[in-house]
PDB file of all heavy atoms in Angstrom:
ATOM      1  N   VAL A   1       4.901   3.566   6.128  1.00  0.00           N
ATOM      2  CA  VAL A   1       5.678   4.060   4.988  1.00  0.00           C
ATOM      3  C   VAL A   1       7.131   3.608   5.139  1.00  0.00           C
ATOM      4  O   VAL A   1       7.762   3.835   6.170  1.00  0.00           O
ATOM      5  CB  VAL A   1       5.625   5.597   4.879  1.00  0.00           C
ATOM      6  CG1 VAL A   1       6.489   6.074   3.719  1.00  0.00           C
ATOM      7  CG2 VAL A   1       4.187   6.068   4.696  1.00  0.00           C
ATOM      8  N   PHE A   2       7.638   2.958   4.098  1.00  0.00           N
ATOM      9  CA  PHE A   2       9.025   2.513   4.060  1.00  0.00           C
ATOM     10  C   PHE A   2       9.696   3.090   2.810  1.00  0.00           C
ATOM     11  O   PHE A   2       9.038   3.590   1.897  1.00  0.00           O
ATOM     12  CB  PHE A   2       9.117   0.984   4.006  1.00  0.00           C
ATOM     13  CG  PHE A   2       8.623   0.297   5.246  1.00  0.00           C
ATOM     14  CD1 PHE A   2       7.275  -0.002   5.403  1.00  0.00           C
ATOM     15  CD2 PHE A   2       9.498  -0.046   6.264  1.00  0.00           C
ATOM     16  CE1 PHE A   2       6.810  -0.624   6.543  1.00  0.00           C
ATOM     17  CE2 PHE A   2       9.037  -0.675   7.410  1.00  0.00           C
ATOM     18  CZ  PHE A   2       7.696  -0.964   7.553  1.00  0.00           C
ATOM     19  N   TYR A   3      11.014   2.973   2.805  1.00  0.00           N
ATOM     20  CA  TYR A   3      11.772   3.294   1.586  1.00  0.00           C
ATOM     21  C   TYR A   3      12.686   2.112   1.326  1.00  0.00           C
ATOM     22  O   TYR A   3      13.298   1.576   2.259  1.00  0.00           O
ATOM     23  CB  TYR A   3      12.609   4.559   1.768  1.00  0.00           C
ATOM     24  CG  TYR A   3      13.211   5.062   0.474  1.00  0.00           C
ATOM     25  CD1 TYR A   3      12.483   5.919  -0.356  1.00  0.00           C
ATOM     26  CD2 TYR A   3      14.481   4.673   0.064  1.00  0.00           C
ATOM     27  CE1 TYR A   3      13.008   6.377  -1.560  1.00  0.00           C
ATOM     28  CE2 TYR A   3      15.009   5.126  -1.143  1.00  0.00           C
ATOM     29  CZ  TYR A   3      14.271   5.973  -1.942  1.00  0.00           C
ATOM     30  OH  TYR A   3      14.787   6.414  -3.145  1.00  0.00           O
ATOM     31  N   ASN A   4      12.748   1.663   0.076  1.00  0.00           N
ATOM     32  CA  ASN A   4      13.642   0.557  -0.266  1.00  0.00           C
ATOM     33  C   ASN A   4      14.830   1.118  -1.040  1.00  0.00           C
ATOM     34  O   ASN A   4      14.682   1.640  -2.149  1.00  0.00           O
ATOM     35  CB  ASN A   4      12.919  -0.506  -1.099  1.00  0.00           C
ATOM     36  CG  ASN A   4      13.763  -1.761  -1.258  1.00  0.00           C
ATOM     37  OD1 ASN A   4      14.739  -1.782  -1.984  1.00  0.00           O
ATOM     38  ND2 ASN A   4      13.375  -2.819  -0.564  1.00  0.00           N
ATOM     39  N   ARG A   5      16.001   1.015  -0.431  1.00  0.00           N
ATOM     40  CA  ARG A   5      17.191   1.627  -1.032  1.00  0.00           C
ATOM     41  C   ARG A   5      17.684   0.856  -2.253  1.00  0.00           C
ATOM     42  O   ARG A   5      18.390   1.417  -3.089  1.00  0.00           O
ATOM     43  CB  ARG A   5      18.309   1.723   0.006  1.00  0.00           C
ATOM     44  CG  ARG A   5      18.749   0.414   0.599  1.00  0.00           C
ATOM     45  CD  ARG A   5      19.810   0.586   1.670  1.00  0.00           C
ATOM     46  NE  ARG A   5      20.239  -0.677   2.231  1.00  0.00           N
ATOM     47  CZ  ARG A   5      21.133  -1.480   1.663  1.00  0.00           C
ATOM     48  NH1 ARG A   5      21.691  -1.138   0.513  1.00  0.00           N
ATOM     49  NH2 ARG A   5      21.468  -2.614   2.234  1.00  0.00           N
ATOM     50  N   LEU A   6      17.327  -0.432  -2.369  1.00  0.00           N
ATOM     51  CA  LEU A   6      17.734  -1.207  -3.540  1.00  0.00           C
ATOM     52  C   LEU A   6      16.886  -0.857  -4.756  1.00  0.00           C
ATOM     53  O   LEU A   6      17.391  -0.753  -5.877  1.00  0.00           O
ATOM     54  CB  LEU A   6      17.640  -2.709  -3.247  1.00  0.00           C
ATOM     55  CG  LEU A   6      18.496  -3.215  -2.080  1.00  0.00           C
ATOM     56  CD1 LEU A   6      18.298  -4.711  -1.877  1.00  0.00           C
ATOM     57  CD2 LEU A   6      19.975  -2.922  -2.336  1.00  0.00           C
ATOM     58  N   LEU A   7      15.588  -0.667  -4.529  1.00  0.00           N
ATOM     59  CA  LEU A   7      14.686  -0.290  -5.616  1.00  0.00           C
ATOM     60  C   LEU A   7      14.608   1.225  -5.790  1.00  0.00           C
ATOM     61  O   LEU A   7      14.066   1.700  -6.786  1.00  0.00           O
ATOM     62  CB  LEU A   7      13.279  -0.842  -5.337  1.00  0.00           C
ATOM     63  CG  LEU A   7      13.141  -2.364  -5.348  1.00  0.00           C
ATOM     64  CD1 LEU A   7      11.732  -2.765  -4.931  1.00  0.00           C
ATOM     65  CD2 LEU A   7      13.476  -2.931  -6.719  1.00  0.00           C
ATOM     66  N   GLU A   8      15.121   1.956  -4.795  1.00  0.00           N
ATOM     67  CA  GLU A   8      15.113   3.422  -4.808  1.00  0.00           C
ATOM     68  C   GLU A   8      13.689   3.961  -4.992  1.00  0.00           C
ATOM     69  O   GLU A   8      13.406   4.738  -5.908  1.00  0.00           O
ATOM     70  CB  GLU A   8      16.047   3.965  -5.905  1.00  0.00           C
ATOM     71  CG  GLU A   8      17.503   3.590  -5.682  1.00  0.00           C
ATOM     72  CD  GLU A   8      18.423   4.177  -6.727  1.00  0.00           C
ATOM     73  OE1 GLU A   8      17.940   4.513  -7.839  1.00  0.00           O
ATOM     74  OE2 GLU A   8      19.627   4.297  -6.458  1.00  0.00           O
ATOM     75  N   CYS A   9      12.808   3.532  -4.098  1.00  0.00           N
ATOM     76  CA  CYS A   9      11.424   3.995  -4.175  1.00  0.00           C
ATOM     77  C   CYS A   9      10.752   3.869  -2.810  1.00  0.00           C
ATOM     78  O   CYS A   9      11.217   3.134  -1.930  1.00  0.00           O
ATOM     79  CB  CYS A   9      10.641   3.184  -5.210  1.00  0.00           C
ATOM     80  SG  CYS A   9      10.360   1.469  -4.725  1.00  0.00           S
ATOM     81  N   TYR A  10       9.651   4.595  -2.642  1.00  0.00           N
ATOM     82  CA  TYR A  10       8.832   4.475  -1.442  1.00  0.00           C
ATOM     83  C   TYR A  10       7.989   3.206  -1.536  1.00  0.00           C
ATOM     84  O   TYR A  10       7.584   2.781  -2.622  1.00  0.00           O
ATOM     85  CB  TYR A  10       7.906   5.684  -1.302  1.00  0.00           C
ATOM     86  CG  TYR A  10       8.609   6.929  -0.817  1.00  0.00           C
ATOM     87  CD1 TYR A  10       9.037   7.904  -1.715  1.00  0.00           C
ATOM     88  CD2 TYR A  10       8.850   7.133   0.541  1.00  0.00           C
ATOM     89  CE1 TYR A  10       9.695   9.052  -1.281  1.00  0.00           C
ATOM     90  CE2 TYR A  10       9.505   8.267   0.990  1.00  0.00           C
ATOM     91  CZ  TYR A  10       9.921   9.221   0.078  1.00  0.00           C
ATOM     92  OH  TYR A  10      10.574  10.333   0.515  1.00  0.00           O
ATOM     93  N   VAL A  11       7.731   2.603  -0.368  1.00  0.00           N
ATOM     94  CA  VAL A  11       6.861   1.436  -0.282  1.00  0.00           C
ATOM     95  C   VAL A  11       5.804   1.736   0.772  1.00  0.00           C
ATOM     96  O   VAL A  11       6.122   1.922   1.949  1.00  0.00           O
ATOM     97  CB  VAL A  11       7.643   0.168   0.103  1.00  0.00           C
ATOM     98  CG1 VAL A  11       6.694  -1.027   0.179  1.00  0.00           C
ATOM     99  CG2 VAL A  11       8.761  -0.108  -0.890  1.00  0.00           C
ATOM    100  N   LEU A  12       4.552   1.811   0.342  1.00  0.00           N
ATOM    101  CA  LEU A  12       3.433   2.102   1.243  1.00  0.00           C
ATOM    102  C   LEU A  12       2.715   0.802   1.580  1.00  0.00           C
ATOM    103  O   LEU A  12       2.374   0.032   0.677  1.00  0.00           O
ATOM    104  CB  LEU A  12       2.451   3.075   0.582  1.00  0.00           C
ATOM    105  CG  LEU A  12       3.052   4.312  -0.106  1.00  0.00           C
ATOM    106  CD1 LEU A  12       1.943   5.189  -0.665  1.00  0.00           C
ATOM    107  CD2 LEU A  12       3.943   5.087   0.853  1.00  0.00           C
ATOM    108  N   ILE A  13       2.484   0.568   2.860  1.00  0.00           N
ATOM    109  CA  ILE A  13       1.825  -0.666   3.285  1.00  0.00           C
ATOM    110  C   ILE A  13       0.551  -0.335   4.041  1.00  0.00           C
ATOM    111  O   ILE A  13       0.563   0.440   5.004  1.00  0.00           O
ATOM    112  CB  ILE A  13       2.756  -1.516   4.174  1.00  0.00           C
ATOM    113  CG1 ILE A  13       3.957  -1.987   3.354  1.00  0.00           C
ATOM    114  CG2 ILE A  13       2.002  -2.711   4.748  1.00  0.00           C
ATOM    115  CD1 ILE A  13       4.913  -2.873   4.119  1.00  0.00           C
ATOM    116  N   GLU A  14      -0.544  -0.907   3.582  1.00  0.00           N
ATOM    117  CA  GLU A  14      -1.832  -0.794   4.252  1.00  0.00           C
ATOM    118  C   GLU A  14      -2.190  -2.139   4.870  1.00  0.00           C
ATOM    119  O   GLU A  14      -1.940  -3.199   4.282  1.00  0.00           O
ATOM    120  CB  GLU A  14      -2.921  -0.380   3.256  1.00  0.00           C
ATOM    121  CG  GLU A  14      -2.884   1.093   2.861  1.00  0.00           C
ATOM    122  CD  GLU A  14      -3.289   2.000   4.018  1.00  0.00           C
ATOM    123  OE1 GLU A  14      -4.472   2.022   4.386  1.00  0.00           O
ATOM    124  OE2 GLU A  14      -2.400   2.667   4.579  1.00  0.00           O
ATOM    125  N   LEU A  15      -2.761  -2.111   6.072  1.00  0.00           N
ATOM    126  CA  LEU A  15      -3.117  -3.325   6.795  1.00  0.00           C
ATOM    127  C   LEU A  15      -4.620  -3.546   6.747  1.00  0.00           C
ATOM    128  O   LEU A  15      -5.402  -2.620   6.964  1.00  0.00           O
ATOM    129  CB  LEU A  15      -2.646  -3.217   8.251  1.00  0.00           C
ATOM    130  CG  LEU A  15      -1.158  -2.895   8.444  1.00  0.00           C
ATOM    131  CD1 LEU A  15      -0.853  -2.637   9.912  1.00  0.00           C
ATOM    132  CD2 LEU A  15      -0.282  -4.021   7.908  1.00  0.00           C
ATOM    133  N   LYS A  16      -5.020  -4.775   6.476  1.00  0.00           N
ATOM    134  CA  LYS A  16      -6.439  -5.093   6.342  1.00  0.00           C
ATOM    135  C   LYS A  16      -6.716  -6.427   7.021  1.00  0.00           C
ATOM    136  O   LYS A  16      -6.159  -7.466   6.628  1.00  0.00           O
ATOM    137  CB  LYS A  16      -6.823  -5.168   4.852  1.00  0.00           C
ATOM    138  CG  LYS A  16      -8.285  -5.384   4.593  1.00  0.00           C
ATOM    139  CD  LYS A  16      -9.110  -4.156   4.955  1.00  0.00           C
ATOM    140  CE  LYS A  16     -10.581  -4.350   4.629  1.00  0.00           C
ATOM    141  NZ  LYS A  16     -11.395  -3.196   5.054  1.00  0.00           N
ATOM    142  N   ILE A  17      -7.571  -6.414   8.057  1.00  0.00           N
ATOM    143  CA  ILE A  17      -7.872  -7.674   8.745  1.00  0.00           C
ATOM    144  C   ILE A  17      -9.193  -8.279   8.270  1.00  0.00           C
ATOM    145  O   ILE A  17      -9.463  -9.445   8.506  1.00  0.00           O
ATOM    146  CB  ILE A  17      -7.909  -7.481  10.273  1.00  0.00           C
ATOM    147  CG1 ILE A  17      -9.053  -6.546  10.671  1.00  0.00           C
ATOM    148  CG2 ILE A  17      -6.586  -6.986  10.794  1.00  0.00           C
ATOM    149  CD1 ILE A  17      -9.274  -6.496  12.174  1.00  0.00           C
ATOM    150  N   GLY A  18     -10.023  -7.477   7.600  1.00  0.00           N
ATOM    151  CA  GLY A  18     -11.302  -7.989   7.082  1.00  0.00           C
ATOM    152  C   GLY A  18     -11.155  -8.452   5.645  1.00  0.00           C
ATOM    153  O   GLY A  18     -10.056  -8.636   5.126  1.00  0.00           O
ATOM    154  N   LYS A  19     -12.275  -8.622   4.986  1.00  0.00           N
ATOM    155  CA  LYS A  19     -12.270  -9.076   3.601  1.00  0.00           C
ATOM    156  C   LYS A  19     -11.779  -7.954   2.692  1.00  0.00           C
ATOM    157  O   LYS A  19     -12.220  -6.807   2.788  1.00  0.00           O
ATOM    158  CB  LYS A  19     -13.681  -9.503   3.185  1.00  0.00           C
ATOM    159  CG  LYS A  19     -13.742 -10.155   1.810  1.00  0.00           C
ATOM    160  CD  LYS A  19     -15.142 -10.665   1.518  1.00  0.00           C
ATOM    161  CE  LYS A  19     -15.193 -11.354   0.154  1.00  0.00           C
ATOM    162  NZ  LYS A  19     -16.561 -11.865  -0.147  1.00  0.00           N
ATOM    163  N   LEU A  20     -10.867  -8.284   1.804  1.00  0.00           N
ATOM    164  CA  LEU A  20     -10.307  -7.292   0.887  1.00  0.00           C
ATOM    165  C   LEU A  20     -11.366  -6.858  -0.126  1.00  0.00           C
ATOM    166  O   LEU A  20     -12.040  -7.683  -0.740  1.00  0.00           O
ATOM    167  CB  LEU A  20      -9.105  -7.884   0.154  1.00  0.00           C
ATOM    168  CG  LEU A  20      -8.360  -6.961  -0.798  1.00  0.00           C
ATOM    169  CD1 LEU A  20      -7.699  -5.816  -0.039  1.00  0.00           C
ATOM    170  CD2 LEU A  20      -7.310  -7.738  -1.582  1.00  0.00           C
ATOM    171  N   THR A  21     -11.518  -5.543  -0.307  1.00  0.00           N
ATOM    172  CA  THR A  21     -12.500  -5.004  -1.248  1.00  0.00           C
ATOM    173  C   THR A  21     -11.813  -4.139  -2.296  1.00  0.00           C
ATOM    174  O   THR A  21     -10.656  -3.738  -2.129  1.00  0.00           O
ATOM    175  CB  THR A  21     -13.548  -4.144  -0.513  1.00  0.00           C
ATOM    176  OG1 THR A  21     -12.896  -2.963   0.011  1.00  0.00           O
ATOM    177  CG2 THR A  21     -14.183  -4.920   0.633  1.00  0.00           C
ATOM    178  N   HIS A  22     -12.566  -3.828  -3.342  1.00  0.00           N
ATOM    179  CA  HIS A  22     -11.994  -2.971  -4.383  1.00  0.00           C
ATOM    180  C   HIS A  22     -11.784  -1.547  -3.863  1.00  0.00           C
ATOM    181  O   HIS A  22     -10.922  -0.811  -4.349  1.00  0.00           O
ATOM    182  CB  HIS A  22     -12.891  -2.966  -5.629  1.00  0.00           C
ATOM    183  CG  HIS A  22     -14.220  -2.297  -5.436  1.00  0.00           C
ATOM    184  ND1 HIS A  22     -15.305  -2.930  -4.845  1.00  0.00           N
ATOM    185  CD2 HIS A  22     -14.638  -1.046  -5.731  1.00  0.00           C
ATOM    186  CE1 HIS A  22     -16.328  -2.103  -4.805  1.00  0.00           C
ATOM    187  NE2 HIS A  22     -15.948  -0.944  -5.336  1.00  0.00           N
ATOM    188  N   GLN A  23     -12.564  -1.152  -2.842  1.00  0.00           N
ATOM    189  CA  GLN A  23     -12.350   0.170  -2.237  1.00  0.00           C
ATOM    190  C   GLN A  23     -10.975   0.250  -1.562  1.00  0.00           C
ATOM    191  O   GLN A  23     -10.308   1.289  -1.624  1.00  0.00           O
ATOM    192  CB  GLN A  23     -13.445   0.481  -1.212  1.00  0.00           C
ATOM    193  CG  GLN A  23     -14.821   0.746  -1.825  1.00  0.00           C
ATOM    194  CD  GLN A  23     -15.679  -0.502  -1.864  1.00  0.00           C
ATOM    195  OE1 GLN A  23     -15.148  -1.616  -1.884  1.00  0.00           O
ATOM    196  NE2 GLN A  23     -16.997  -0.332  -1.887  1.00  0.00           N
ATOM    197  N   ASP A  24     -10.565  -0.852  -0.931  1.00  0.00           N
ATOM    198  CA  ASP A  24      -9.238  -0.881  -0.298  1.00  0.00           C
ATOM    199  C   ASP A  24      -8.139  -0.680  -1.335  1.00  0.00           C
ATOM    200  O   ASP A  24      -7.171   0.064  -1.111  1.00  0.00           O
ATOM    201  CB  ASP A  24      -9.015  -2.220   0.409  1.00  0.00           C
ATOM    202  CG  ASP A  24     -10.011  -2.468   1.533  1.00  0.00           C
ATOM    203  OD1 ASP A  24     -10.354  -1.496   2.238  1.00  0.00           O
ATOM    204  OD2 ASP A  24     -10.435  -3.620   1.705  1.00  0.00           O
ATOM    205  N   ILE A  25      -8.293  -1.345  -2.466  1.00  0.00           N
ATOM    206  CA  ILE A  25      -7.284  -1.233  -3.525  1.00  0.00           C
ATOM    207  C   ILE A  25      -7.293   0.175  -4.106  1.00  0.00           C
ATOM    208  O   ILE A  25      -6.241   0.772  -4.367  1.00  0.00           O
ATOM    209  CB  ILE A  25      -7.553  -2.284  -4.623  1.00  0.00           C
ATOM    210  CG1 ILE A  25      -7.489  -3.692  -4.020  1.00  0.00           C
ATOM    211  CG2 ILE A  25      -6.540  -2.147  -5.758  1.00  0.00           C
ATOM    212  CD1 ILE A  25      -7.930  -4.783  -4.957  1.00  0.00           C
ATOM    213  N   GLY A  26      -8.499   0.720  -4.301  1.00  0.00           N
ATOM    214  CA  GLY A  26      -8.604   2.080  -4.832  1.00  0.00           C
ATOM    215  C   GLY A  26      -7.982   3.108  -3.904  1.00  0.00           C
ATOM    216  O   GLY A  26      -7.325   4.063  -4.346  1.00  0.00           O
ATOM    217  N   GLN A  27      -8.161   2.916  -2.593  1.00  0.00           N
ATOM    218  CA  GLN A  27      -7.573   3.831  -1.612  1.00  0.00           C
ATOM    219  C   GLN A  27      -6.055   3.786  -1.671  1.00  0.00           C
ATOM    220  O   GLN A  27      -5.388   4.830  -1.670  1.00  0.00           O
ATOM    221  CB  GLN A  27      -8.047   3.440  -0.211  1.00  0.00           C
ATOM    222  CG  GLN A  27      -7.418   4.266   0.905  1.00  0.00           C
ATOM    223  CD  GLN A  27      -7.946   3.854   2.268  1.00  0.00           C
ATOM    224  OE1 GLN A  27      -9.022   4.276   2.672  1.00  0.00           O
ATOM    225  NE2 GLN A  27      -7.204   2.995   2.957  1.00  0.00           N
ATOM    226  N   LEU A  28      -5.502   2.577  -1.740  1.00  0.00           N
ATOM    227  CA  LEU A  28      -4.047   2.449  -1.821  1.00  0.00           C
ATOM    228  C   LEU A  28      -3.525   3.046  -3.118  1.00  0.00           C
ATOM    229  O   LEU A  28      -2.460   3.673  -3.142  1.00  0.00           O
ATOM    230  CB  LEU A  28      -3.645   0.976  -1.713  1.00  0.00           C
ATOM    231  CG  LEU A  28      -2.145   0.687  -1.777  1.00  0.00           C
ATOM    232  CD1 LEU A  28      -1.388   1.425  -0.667  1.00  0.00           C
ATOM    233  CD2 LEU A  28      -1.867  -0.809  -1.703  1.00  0.00           C
ATOM    234  N   GLN A  29      -4.286   2.876  -4.209  1.00  0.00           N
ATOM    235  CA  GLN A  29      -3.873   3.463  -5.488  1.00  0.00           C
ATOM    236  C   GLN A  29      -3.774   4.976  -5.374  1.00  0.00           C
ATOM    237  O   GLN A  29      -2.847   5.603  -5.913  1.00  0.00           O
ATOM    238  CB  GLN A  29      -4.870   3.081  -6.585  1.00  0.00           C
ATOM    239  CG  GLN A  29      -4.529   3.630  -7.969  1.00  0.00           C
ATOM    240  CD  GLN A  29      -3.330   2.955  -8.579  1.00  0.00           C
ATOM    241  OE1 GLN A  29      -3.400   1.805  -9.008  1.00  0.00           O
ATOM    242  NE2 GLN A  29      -2.204   3.664  -8.633  1.00  0.00           N
ATOM    243  N   MET A  30      -4.720   5.603  -4.648  1.00  0.00           N
ATOM    244  CA  MET A  30      -4.683   7.046  -4.453  1.00  0.00           C
ATOM    245  C   MET A  30      -3.440   7.450  -3.659  1.00  0.00           C
ATOM    246  O   MET A  30      -2.762   8.422  -3.981  1.00  0.00           O
ATOM    247  CB  MET A  30      -5.938   7.515  -3.723  1.00  0.00           C
ATOM    248  CG  MET A  30      -5.986   9.032  -3.516  1.00  0.00           C
ATOM    249  SD  MET A  30      -7.369   9.570  -2.484  1.00  0.00           S
ATOM    250  CE  MET A  30      -6.841   8.983  -0.877  1.00  0.00           C
ATOM    251  N   TYR A  31      -3.126   6.684  -2.603  1.00  0.00           N
ATOM    252  CA  TYR A  31      -1.932   6.974  -1.809  1.00  0.00           C
ATOM    253  C   TYR A  31      -0.669   6.899  -2.666  1.00  0.00           C
ATOM    254  O   TYR A  31       0.217   7.762  -2.575  1.00  0.00           O
ATOM    255  CB  TYR A  31      -1.804   5.982  -0.648  1.00  0.00           C
ATOM    256  CG  TYR A  31      -2.888   6.075   0.394  1.00  0.00           C
ATOM    257  CD1 TYR A  31      -3.011   5.105   1.392  1.00  0.00           C
ATOM    258  CD2 TYR A  31      -3.798   7.134   0.412  1.00  0.00           C
ATOM    259  CE1 TYR A  31      -3.989   5.174   2.371  1.00  0.00           C
ATOM    260  CE2 TYR A  31      -4.790   7.219   1.385  1.00  0.00           C
ATOM    261  CZ  TYR A  31      -4.881   6.234   2.360  1.00  0.00           C
ATOM    262  OH  TYR A  31      -5.858   6.302   3.314  1.00  0.00           O
TER     263      TYR A  31
END
């Protein structure tokens, strides 16, 4: 979890070493 002071918003980063799936995107959307 980061915060960008220029954009004034939180930035959430998820790490994925395998093949990207729609479940990964859906999980990040929930976060």
